[in-house]
């Protein structure tokens, strides 16, 4: 993610800001794991949260007892649910 931000912008500080924003969003998820939107279909049981500048960061995760499992941290406002529909690994969860 940081490498992409740097490659596109040429700005090291922009890349570092994205990492800081991802860390902040992950920390918020750990502090309040029940806040995320619940997903359905083949991703039932998983949740999604958006954050960072322009809400361009996406984190997909699941809460199991005292564990928070993160399956995706993405940047750029992509439609990851549609793009990942053909991936076997997500379909199995």
PDB file of N, CA and C in Angstrom:
ATOM      1  N   UNK A   1       0.821  -1.174   0.000  1.00  0.00           N
ATOM      2  CA  UNK A   1       0.000   0.000   0.000  1.00  0.00           C
ATOM      3  C   UNK A   1       0.875   1.252   0.000  1.00  0.00           C
ATOM      4  N   UNK A   2       1.856   1.274   0.871  1.00  0.00           N
ATOM      5  CA  UNK A   2       2.752   2.432   0.933  1.00  0.00           C
ATOM      6  C   UNK A   2       3.569   2.538  -0.346  1.00  0.00           C
ATOM      7  N   UNK A   3       4.009   1.398  -0.859  1.00  0.00           N
ATOM      8  CA  UNK A   3       4.779   1.411  -2.104  1.00  0.00           C
ATOM      9  C   UNK A   3       3.936   1.972  -3.246  1.00  0.00           C
ATOM     10  N   UNK A   4       2.673   1.582  -3.301  1.00  0.00           N
ATOM     11  CA  UNK A   4       1.776   2.104  -4.335  1.00  0.00           C
ATOM     12  C   UNK A   4       1.610   3.617  -4.188  1.00  0.00           C
ATOM     13  N   UNK A   5       1.372   4.081  -2.966  1.00  0.00           N
ATOM     14  CA  UNK A   5       1.211   5.522  -2.740  1.00  0.00           C
ATOM     15  C   UNK A   5       2.460   6.274  -3.172  1.00  0.00           C
ATOM     16  N   UNK A   6       3.625   5.704  -2.877  1.00  0.00           N
ATOM     17  CA  UNK A   6       4.879   6.350  -3.266  1.00  0.00           C
ATOM     18  C   UNK A   6       5.059   6.330  -4.787  1.00  0.00           C
ATOM     19  N   UNK A   7       4.788   5.194  -5.407  1.00  0.00           N
ATOM     20  CA  UNK A   7       4.958   5.062  -6.854  1.00  0.00           C
ATOM     21  C   UNK A   7       4.057   6.041  -7.597  1.00  0.00           C
ATOM     22  N   UNK A   8       2.815   6.173  -7.146  1.00  0.00           N
ATOM     23  CA  UNK A   8       1.857   7.047  -7.824  1.00  0.00           C
ATOM     24  C   UNK A   8       2.168   8.519  -7.568  1.00  0.00           C
ATOM     25  N   UNK A   9       2.519   8.843  -6.325  1.00  0.00           N
ATOM     26  CA  UNK A   9       2.684  10.256  -5.969  1.00  0.00           C
ATOM     27  C   UNK A   9       4.138  10.724  -5.995  1.00  0.00           C
ATOM     28  N   UNK A  10       5.077   9.806  -5.817  1.00  0.00           N
ATOM     29  CA  UNK A  10       6.474  10.190  -5.684  1.00  0.00           C
ATOM     30  C   UNK A  10       6.771  10.863  -4.353  1.00  0.00           C
ATOM     31  N   UNK A  11       5.838  10.768  -3.428  1.00  0.00           N
ATOM     32  CA  UNK A  11       5.921  11.470  -2.146  1.00  0.00           C
ATOM     33  C   UNK A  11       6.052  10.465  -1.003  1.00  0.00           C
ATOM     34  N   UNK A  12       7.239  10.404  -0.394  1.00  0.00           N
ATOM     35  CA  UNK A  12       7.469   9.494   0.728  1.00  0.00           C
ATOM     36  C   UNK A  12       6.527   9.811   1.888  1.00  0.00           C
ATOM     37  N   UNK A  13       6.305  11.094   2.150  1.00  0.00           N
ATOM     38  CA  UNK A  13       5.425  11.474   3.259  1.00  0.00           C
ATOM     39  C   UNK A  13       3.996  10.981   3.033  1.00  0.00           C
ATOM     40  N   UNK A  14       3.522  11.011   1.790  1.00  0.00           N
ATOM     41  CA  UNK A  14       2.174  10.505   1.483  1.00  0.00           C
ATOM     42  C   UNK A  14       2.102   9.012   1.775  1.00  0.00           C
ATOM     43  N   UNK A  15       3.141   8.285   1.407  1.00  0.00           N
ATOM     44  CA  UNK A  15       3.179   6.849   1.673  1.00  0.00           C
ATOM     45  C   UNK A  15       3.164   6.577   3.176  1.00  0.00           C
ATOM     46  N   UNK A  16       3.938   7.322   3.928  1.00  0.00           N
ATOM     47  CA  UNK A  16       3.974   7.146   5.386  1.00  0.00           C
ATOM     48  C   UNK A  16       2.648   7.521   6.030  1.00  0.00           C
ATOM     49  N   UNK A  17       1.980   8.545   5.497  1.00  0.00           N
ATOM     50  CA  UNK A  17       0.658   8.920   6.025  1.00  0.00           C
ATOM     51  C   UNK A  17      -0.341   7.781   5.836  1.00  0.00           C
ATOM     52  N   UNK A  18      -0.307   7.117   4.693  1.00  0.00           N
ATOM     53  CA  UNK A  18      -1.217   5.983   4.464  1.00  0.00           C
ATOM     54  C   UNK A  18      -0.958   4.883   5.485  1.00  0.00           C
ATOM     55  N   UNK A  19       0.301   4.601   5.778  1.00  0.00           N
ATOM     56  CA  UNK A  19       0.603   3.598   6.792  1.00  0.00           C
ATOM     57  C   UNK A  19       0.087   4.025   8.162  1.00  0.00           C
ATOM     58  N   UNK A  20       0.276   5.292   8.508  1.00  0.00           N
ATOM     59  CA  UNK A  20      -0.230   5.807   9.788  1.00  0.00           C
ATOM     60  C   UNK A  20      -1.753   5.684   9.850  1.00  0.00           C
ATOM     61  N   UNK A  21      -2.422   6.005   8.753  1.00  0.00           N
ATOM     62  CA  UNK A  21      -3.882   5.919   8.714  1.00  0.00           C
ATOM     63  C   UNK A  21      -4.348   4.469   8.843  1.00  0.00           C
ATOM     64  N   UNK A  22      -3.639   3.537   8.201  1.00  0.00           N
ATOM     65  CA  UNK A  22      -3.985   2.115   8.311  1.00  0.00           C
ATOM     66  C   UNK A  22      -3.796   1.635   9.752  1.00  0.00           C
ATOM     67  N   UNK A  23      -2.698   2.027  10.370  1.00  0.00           N
ATOM     68  CA  UNK A  23      -2.462   1.642  11.770  1.00  0.00           C
ATOM     69  C   UNK A  23      -3.537   2.211  12.691  1.00  0.00           C
ATOM     70  N   UNK A  24      -3.946   3.447  12.453  1.00  0.00           N
ATOM     71  CA  UNK A  24      -4.989   4.073  13.279  1.00  0.00           C
ATOM     72  C   UNK A  24      -6.326   3.352  13.098  1.00  0.00           C
ATOM     73  N   UNK A  25      -6.663   2.988  11.866  1.00  0.00           N
ATOM     74  CA  UNK A  25      -7.917   2.280  11.625  1.00  0.00           C
ATOM     75  C   UNK A  25      -7.890   0.904  12.272  1.00  0.00           C
ATOM     76  N   UNK A  26      -6.773   0.200  12.155  1.00  0.00           N
ATOM     77  CA  UNK A  26      -6.655  -1.108  12.805  1.00  0.00           C
ATOM     78  C   UNK A  26      -6.746  -0.990  14.324  1.00  0.00           C
ATOM     79  N   UNK A  27      -6.143   0.031  14.897  1.00  0.00           N
ATOM     80  CA  UNK A  27      -6.230   0.247  16.348  1.00  0.00           C
ATOM     81  C   UNK A  27      -7.665   0.528  16.761  1.00  0.00           C
ATOM     82  N   UNK A  28      -8.386   1.297  15.950  1.00  0.00           N
ATOM     83  CA  UNK A  28      -9.785   1.589  16.257  1.00  0.00           C
ATOM     84  C   UNK A  28     -10.637   0.321  16.177  1.00  0.00           C
ATOM     85  N   UNK A  29     -10.341  -0.537  15.198  1.00  0.00           N
ATOM     86  CA  UNK A  29     -11.065  -1.806  15.093  1.00  0.00           C
ATOM     87  C   UNK A  29     -10.807  -2.664  16.325  1.00  0.00           C
ATOM     88  N   UNK A  30      -9.565  -2.716  16.795  1.00  0.00           N
ATOM     89  CA  UNK A  30      -9.260  -3.495  17.994  1.00  0.00           C
ATOM     90  C   UNK A  30      -9.974  -2.940  19.220  1.00  0.00           C
ATOM     91  N   UNK A  31     -10.097  -1.605  19.284  1.00  0.00           N
ATOM     92  CA  UNK A  31     -10.751  -0.977  20.429  1.00  0.00           C
ATOM     93  C   UNK A  31     -12.268  -1.138  20.381  1.00  0.00           C
ATOM     94  N   UNK A  32     -12.834  -1.172  19.162  1.00  0.00           N
ATOM     95  CA  UNK A  32     -14.291  -1.250  18.996  1.00  0.00           C
ATOM     96  C   UNK A  32     -14.640  -2.219  17.867  1.00  0.00           C
ATOM     97  N   UNK A  33     -14.397  -3.495  18.029  1.00  0.00           N
ATOM     98  CA  UNK A  33     -14.571  -4.441  16.926  1.00  0.00           C
ATOM     99  C   UNK A  33     -16.014  -4.627  16.473  1.00  0.00           C
ATOM    100  N   UNK A  34     -16.982  -4.327  17.295  1.00  0.00           N
ATOM    101  CA  UNK A  34     -18.382  -4.546  16.916  1.00  0.00           C
ATOM    102  C   UNK A  34     -18.955  -3.444  16.029  1.00  0.00           C
ATOM    103  N   UNK A  35     -18.212  -2.374  15.808  1.00  0.00           N
ATOM    104  CA  UNK A  35     -18.733  -1.215  15.084  1.00  0.00           C
ATOM    105  C   UNK A  35     -18.864  -1.448  13.576  1.00  0.00           C
ATOM    106  N   UNK A  36     -18.101  -2.321  12.982  1.00  0.00           N
ATOM    107  CA  UNK A  36     -18.090  -2.499  11.528  1.00  0.00           C
ATOM    108  C   UNK A  36     -19.395  -3.029  10.966  1.00  0.00           C
ATOM    109  N   UNK A  37     -19.618  -2.734   9.691  1.00  0.00           N
ATOM    110  CA  UNK A  37     -20.788  -3.249   8.981  1.00  0.00           C
ATOM    111  C   UNK A  37     -20.608  -4.745   8.745  1.00  0.00           C
ATOM    112  N   UNK A  38     -21.663  -5.497   8.961  1.00  0.00           N
ATOM    113  CA  UNK A  38     -21.602  -6.947   8.769  1.00  0.00           C
ATOM    114  C   UNK A  38     -21.847  -7.278   7.301  1.00  0.00           C
ATOM    115  N   UNK A  39     -21.057  -8.218   6.803  1.00  0.00           N
ATOM    116  CA  UNK A  39     -21.172  -8.629   5.412  1.00  0.00           C
ATOM    117  C   UNK A  39     -22.053  -9.864   5.308  1.00  0.00           C
ATOM    118  N   UNK A  40     -22.606 -10.096   4.142  1.00  0.00           N
ATOM    119  CA  UNK A  40     -23.475 -11.251   3.924  1.00  0.00           C
ATOM    120  C   UNK A  40     -22.929 -12.148   2.832  1.00  0.00           C
ATOM    121  N   UNK A  41     -23.764 -13.056   2.381  1.00  0.00           N
ATOM    122  CA  UNK A  41     -23.374 -13.975   1.315  1.00  0.00           C
ATOM    123  C   UNK A  41     -22.179 -14.803   1.711  1.00  0.00           C
ATOM    124  N   UNK A  42     -21.246 -15.005   0.770  1.00  0.00           N
ATOM    125  CA  UNK A  42     -20.090 -15.841   1.084  1.00  0.00           C
ATOM    126  C   UNK A  42     -19.168 -15.219   2.138  1.00  0.00           C
ATOM    127  N   UNK A  43     -19.385 -13.942   2.457  1.00  0.00           N
ATOM    128  CA  UNK A  43     -18.559 -13.280   3.479  1.00  0.00           C
ATOM    129  C   UNK A  43     -19.315 -13.105   4.797  1.00  0.00           C
ATOM    130  N   UNK A  44     -20.403 -13.852   4.965  1.00  0.00           N
ATOM    131  CA  UNK A  44     -21.158 -13.791   6.217  1.00  0.00           C
ATOM    132  C   UNK A  44     -20.224 -14.107   7.382  1.00  0.00           C
ATOM    133  N   UNK A  45     -20.336 -13.328   8.441  1.00  0.00           N
ATOM    134  CA  UNK A  45     -19.470 -13.480   9.604  1.00  0.00           C
ATOM    135  C   UNK A  45     -18.306 -12.499   9.598  1.00  0.00           C
ATOM    136  N   UNK A  46     -18.061 -11.879   8.460  1.00  0.00           N
ATOM    137  CA  UNK A  46     -16.996 -10.882   8.352  1.00  0.00           C
ATOM    138  C   UNK A  46     -17.609  -9.496   8.456  1.00  0.00           C
ATOM    139  N   UNK A  47     -16.786  -8.529   8.826  1.00  0.00           N
ATOM    140  CA  UNK A  47     -17.206  -7.136   8.938  1.00  0.00           C
ATOM    141  C   UNK A  47     -16.278  -6.268   8.111  1.00  0.00           C
ATOM    142  N   UNK A  48     -16.737  -5.049   7.786  1.00  0.00           N
ATOM    143  CA  UNK A  48     -15.924  -4.118   7.009  1.00  0.00           C
ATOM    144  C   UNK A  48     -15.966  -2.747   7.667  1.00  0.00           C
ATOM    145  N   UNK A  49     -14.813  -2.086   7.667  1.00  0.00           N
ATOM    146  CA  UNK A  49     -14.710  -0.700   8.149  1.00  0.00           C
ATOM    147  C   UNK A  49     -13.906   0.080   7.122  1.00  0.00           C
ATOM    148  N   UNK A  50     -14.256   1.346   6.965  1.00  0.00           N
ATOM    149  CA  UNK A  50     -13.547   2.257   6.073  1.00  0.00           C
ATOM    150  C   UNK A  50     -12.994   3.405   6.899  1.00  0.00           C
ATOM    151  N   UNK A  51     -11.847   3.935   6.486  1.00  0.00           N
ATOM    152  CA  UNK A  51     -11.264   5.044   7.222  1.00  0.00           C
ATOM    153  C   UNK A  51     -10.138   5.681   6.445  1.00  0.00           C
ATOM    154  N   UNK A  52      -9.358   6.477   7.137  1.00  0.00           N
ATOM    155  CA  UNK A  52      -8.278   7.211   6.492  1.00  0.00           C
ATOM    156  C   UNK A  52      -8.812   8.422   5.746  1.00  0.00           C
ATOM    157  N   UNK A  53      -7.924   9.138   5.095  1.00  0.00           N
ATOM    158  CA  UNK A  53      -8.300  10.335   4.337  1.00  0.00           C
ATOM    159  C   UNK A  53      -9.268   9.939   3.223  1.00  0.00           C
ATOM    160  N   UNK A  54     -10.403  10.598   3.174  1.00  0.00           N
ATOM    161  CA  UNK A  54     -11.391  10.300   2.157  1.00  0.00           C
ATOM    162  C   UNK A  54     -12.009   8.923   2.299  1.00  0.00           C
ATOM    163  N   UNK A  55     -11.840   8.309   3.464  1.00  0.00           N
ATOM    164  CA  UNK A  55     -12.345   6.949   3.713  1.00  0.00           C
ATOM    165  C   UNK A  55     -11.889   5.983   2.627  1.00  0.00           C
ATOM    166  N   UNK A  56     -10.645   6.177   2.160  1.00  0.00           N
ATOM    167  CA  UNK A  56     -10.101   5.369   1.065  1.00  0.00           C
ATOM    168  C   UNK A  56      -9.485   4.056   1.534  1.00  0.00           C
ATOM    169  N   UNK A  57      -9.402   3.840   2.842  1.00  0.00           N
ATOM    170  CA  UNK A  57      -8.886   2.579   3.376  1.00  0.00           C
ATOM    171  C   UNK A  57     -10.052   1.655   3.709  1.00  0.00           C
ATOM    172  N   UNK A  58      -9.890   0.382   3.414  1.00  0.00           N
ATOM    173  CA  UNK A  58     -10.903  -0.624   3.721  1.00  0.00           C
ATOM    174  C   UNK A  58     -10.235  -1.751   4.483  1.00  0.00           C
ATOM    175  N   UNK A  59     -10.865  -2.184   5.565  1.00  0.00           N
ATOM    176  CA  UNK A  59     -10.387  -3.333   6.331  1.00  0.00           C
ATOM    177  C   UNK A  59     -11.552  -4.308   6.458  1.00  0.00           C
ATOM    178  N   UNK A  60     -11.312  -5.554   6.085  1.00  0.00           N
ATOM    179  CA  UNK A  60     -12.294  -6.624   6.268  1.00  0.00           C
ATOM    180  C   UNK A  60     -11.747  -7.530   7.359  1.00  0.00           C
ATOM    181  N   UNK A  61     -12.594  -7.833   8.347  1.00  0.00           N
ATOM    182  CA  UNK A  61     -12.130  -8.584   9.520  1.00  0.00           C
ATOM    183  C   UNK A  61     -13.270  -9.391  10.114  1.00  0.00           C
ATOM    184  N   UNK A  62     -12.912 -10.296  11.023  1.00  0.00           N
ATOM    185  CA  UNK A  62     -13.898 -11.103  11.731  1.00  0.00           C
ATOM    186  C   UNK A  62     -13.500 -11.179  13.192  1.00  0.00           C
ATOM    187  N   UNK A  63     -14.493 -11.148  14.058  1.00  0.00           N
ATOM    188  CA  UNK A  63     -14.270 -11.255  15.496  1.00  0.00           C
ATOM    189  C   UNK A  63     -14.695 -12.648  15.945  1.00  0.00           C
ATOM    190  N   UNK A  64     -13.769 -13.389  16.531  1.00  0.00           N
ATOM    191  CA  UNK A  64     -14.026 -14.715  17.080  1.00  0.00           C
ATOM    192  C   UNK A  64     -13.565 -14.714  18.529  1.00  0.00           C
ATOM    193  N   UNK A  65     -14.525 -14.682  19.439  1.00  0.00           N
ATOM    194  CA  UNK A  65     -14.221 -14.625  20.859  1.00  0.00           C
ATOM    195  C   UNK A  65     -13.284 -13.445  21.138  1.00  0.00           C
ATOM    196  N   UNK A  66     -12.064 -13.718  21.575  1.00  0.00           N
ATOM    197  CA  UNK A  66     -11.115 -12.643  21.910  1.00  0.00           C
ATOM    198  C   UNK A  66     -10.176 -12.317  20.758  1.00  0.00           C
ATOM    199  N   UNK A  67     -10.396 -12.906  19.582  1.00  0.00           N
ATOM    200  CA  UNK A  67      -9.519 -12.708  18.422  1.00  0.00           C
ATOM    201  C   UNK A  67     -10.179 -11.824  17.381  1.00  0.00           C
ATOM    202  N   UNK A  68      -9.371 -10.990  16.751  1.00  0.00           N
ATOM    203  CA  UNK A  68      -9.800 -10.229  15.577  1.00  0.00           C
ATOM    204  C   UNK A  68      -8.906 -10.678  14.425  1.00  0.00           C
ATOM    205  N   UNK A  69      -9.511 -11.309  13.424  1.00  0.00           N
ATOM    206  CA  UNK A  69      -8.770 -11.785  12.251  1.00  0.00           C
ATOM    207  C   UNK A  69      -8.970 -10.797  11.113  1.00  0.00           C
ATOM    208  N   UNK A  70      -7.876 -10.282  10.575  1.00  0.00           N
ATOM    209  CA  UNK A  70      -7.931  -9.330   9.461  1.00  0.00           C
ATOM    210  C   UNK A  70      -7.581 -10.076   8.188  1.00  0.00           C
ATOM    211  N   UNK A  71      -8.472  -9.997   7.192  1.00  0.00           N
ATOM    212  CA  UNK A  71      -8.227 -10.685   5.929  1.00  0.00           C
ATOM    213  C   UNK A  71      -7.806  -9.719   4.824  1.00  0.00           C
ATOM    214  N   UNK A  72      -8.127  -8.423   4.982  1.00  0.00           N
ATOM    215  CA  UNK A  72      -7.823  -7.467   3.921  1.00  0.00           C
ATOM    216  C   UNK A  72      -7.626  -6.076   4.489  1.00  0.00           C
ATOM    217  N   UNK A  73      -6.546  -5.432   4.077  1.00  0.00           N
ATOM    218  CA  UNK A  73      -6.349  -4.001   4.297  1.00  0.00           C
ATOM    219  C   UNK A  73      -6.052  -3.449   2.909  1.00  0.00           C
ATOM    220  N   UNK A  74      -6.964  -2.613   2.397  1.00  0.00           N
ATOM    221  CA  UNK A  74      -6.843  -2.129   1.020  1.00  0.00           C
ATOM    222  C   UNK A  74      -6.950  -0.615   0.975  1.00  0.00           C
ATOM    223  N   UNK A  75      -6.397  -0.048  -0.086  1.00  0.00           N
ATOM    224  CA  UNK A  75      -6.385   1.401  -0.276  1.00  0.00           C
ATOM    225  C   UNK A  75      -6.912   1.724  -1.663  1.00  0.00           C
ATOM    226  N   UNK A  76      -7.679   2.773  -1.761  1.00  0.00           N
ATOM    227  CA  UNK A  76      -8.048   3.274  -3.072  1.00  0.00           C
ATOM    228  C   UNK A  76      -9.516   3.196  -3.407  1.00  0.00           C
ATOM    229  N   UNK A  77     -10.359   2.854  -2.464  1.00  0.00           N
ATOM    230  CA  UNK A  77     -11.791   2.859  -2.737  1.00  0.00           C
ATOM    231  C   UNK A  77     -12.232   1.814  -3.742  1.00  0.00           C
ATOM    232  N   UNK A  78     -11.528   0.700  -3.831  1.00  0.00           N
ATOM    233  CA  UNK A  78     -11.903  -0.362  -4.757  1.00  0.00           C
ATOM    234  C   UNK A  78     -13.123  -1.116  -4.250  1.00  0.00           C
ATOM    235  N   UNK A  79     -13.863  -1.712  -5.164  1.00  0.00           N
ATOM    236  CA  UNK A  79     -14.989  -2.574  -4.813  1.00  0.00           C
ATOM    237  C   UNK A  79     -14.439  -3.981  -4.598  1.00  0.00           C
ATOM    238  N   UNK A  80     -13.875  -4.229  -3.414  1.00  0.00           N
ATOM    239  CA  UNK A  80     -13.188  -5.487  -3.151  1.00  0.00           C
ATOM    240  C   UNK A  80     -14.156  -6.656  -3.057  1.00  0.00           C
ATOM    241  N   UNK A  81     -15.391  -6.420  -2.675  1.00  0.00           N
ATOM    242  CA  UNK A  81     -16.341  -7.528  -2.594  1.00  0.00           C
ATOM    243  C   UNK A  81     -16.584  -8.115  -3.980  1.00  0.00           C
ATOM    244  N   UNK A  82     -16.768  -7.262  -4.984  1.00  0.00           N
ATOM    245  CA  UNK A  82     -16.976  -7.741  -6.344  1.00  0.00           C
ATOM    246  C   UNK A  82     -15.692  -8.332  -6.918  1.00  0.00           C
ATOM    247  N   UNK A  83     -14.577  -7.645  -6.699  1.00  0.00           N
ATOM    248  CA  UNK A  83     -13.302  -8.114  -7.258  1.00  0.00           C
ATOM    249  C   UNK A  83     -12.872  -9.437  -6.654  1.00  0.00           C
ATOM    250  N   UNK A  84     -13.245  -9.709  -5.414  1.00  0.00           N
ATOM    251  CA  UNK A  84     -12.787 -10.928  -4.758  1.00  0.00           C
ATOM    252  C   UNK A  84     -13.767 -12.089  -4.900  1.00  0.00           C
ATOM    253  N   UNK A  85     -14.895 -11.881  -5.577  1.00  0.00           N
ATOM    254  CA  UNK A  85     -15.928 -12.919  -5.637  1.00  0.00           C
ATOM    255  C   UNK A  85     -15.424 -14.207  -6.277  1.00  0.00           C
ATOM    256  N   UNK A  86     -14.440 -14.142  -7.157  1.00  0.00           N
ATOM    257  CA  UNK A  86     -13.920 -15.337  -7.798  1.00  0.00           C
ATOM    258  C   UNK A  86     -12.782 -16.007  -7.070  1.00  0.00           C
ATOM    259  N   UNK A  87     -12.384 -15.458  -5.945  1.00  0.00           N
ATOM    260  CA  UNK A  87     -11.261 -16.030  -5.207  1.00  0.00           C
ATOM    261  C   UNK A  87     -11.740 -17.124  -4.273  1.00  0.00           C
ATOM    262  N   UNK A  88     -11.166 -18.306  -4.397  1.00  0.00           N
ATOM    263  CA  UNK A  88     -11.588 -19.445  -3.596  1.00  0.00           C
ATOM    264  C   UNK A  88     -11.367 -19.235  -2.115  1.00  0.00           C
ATOM    265  N   UNK A  89     -10.262 -18.593  -1.730  1.00  0.00           N
ATOM    266  CA  UNK A  89      -9.939 -18.458  -0.314  1.00  0.00           C
ATOM    267  C   UNK A  89     -11.036 -17.705   0.436  1.00  0.00           C
ATOM    268  N   UNK A  90     -11.557 -16.603  -0.125  1.00  0.00           N
ATOM    269  CA  UNK A  90     -12.616 -15.868   0.549  1.00  0.00           C
ATOM    270  C   UNK A  90     -13.919 -16.640   0.545  1.00  0.00           C
ATOM    271  N   UNK A  91     -14.185 -17.369  -0.519  1.00  0.00           N
ATOM    272  CA  UNK A  91     -15.427 -18.133  -0.616  1.00  0.00           C
ATOM    273  C   UNK A  91     -15.489 -19.226   0.441  1.00  0.00           C
ATOM    274  N   UNK A  92     -14.324 -19.752   0.833  1.00  0.00           N
ATOM    275  CA  UNK A  92     -14.291 -20.829   1.826  1.00  0.00           C
ATOM    276  C   UNK A  92     -14.540 -20.324   3.231  1.00  0.00           C
ATOM    277  N   UNK A  93     -14.290 -19.035   3.490  1.00  0.00           N
ATOM    278  CA  UNK A  93     -14.493 -18.516   4.833  1.00  0.00           C
ATOM    279  C   UNK A  93     -15.930 -18.247   4.998  1.00  0.00           C
TER     280      UNK A  93
END
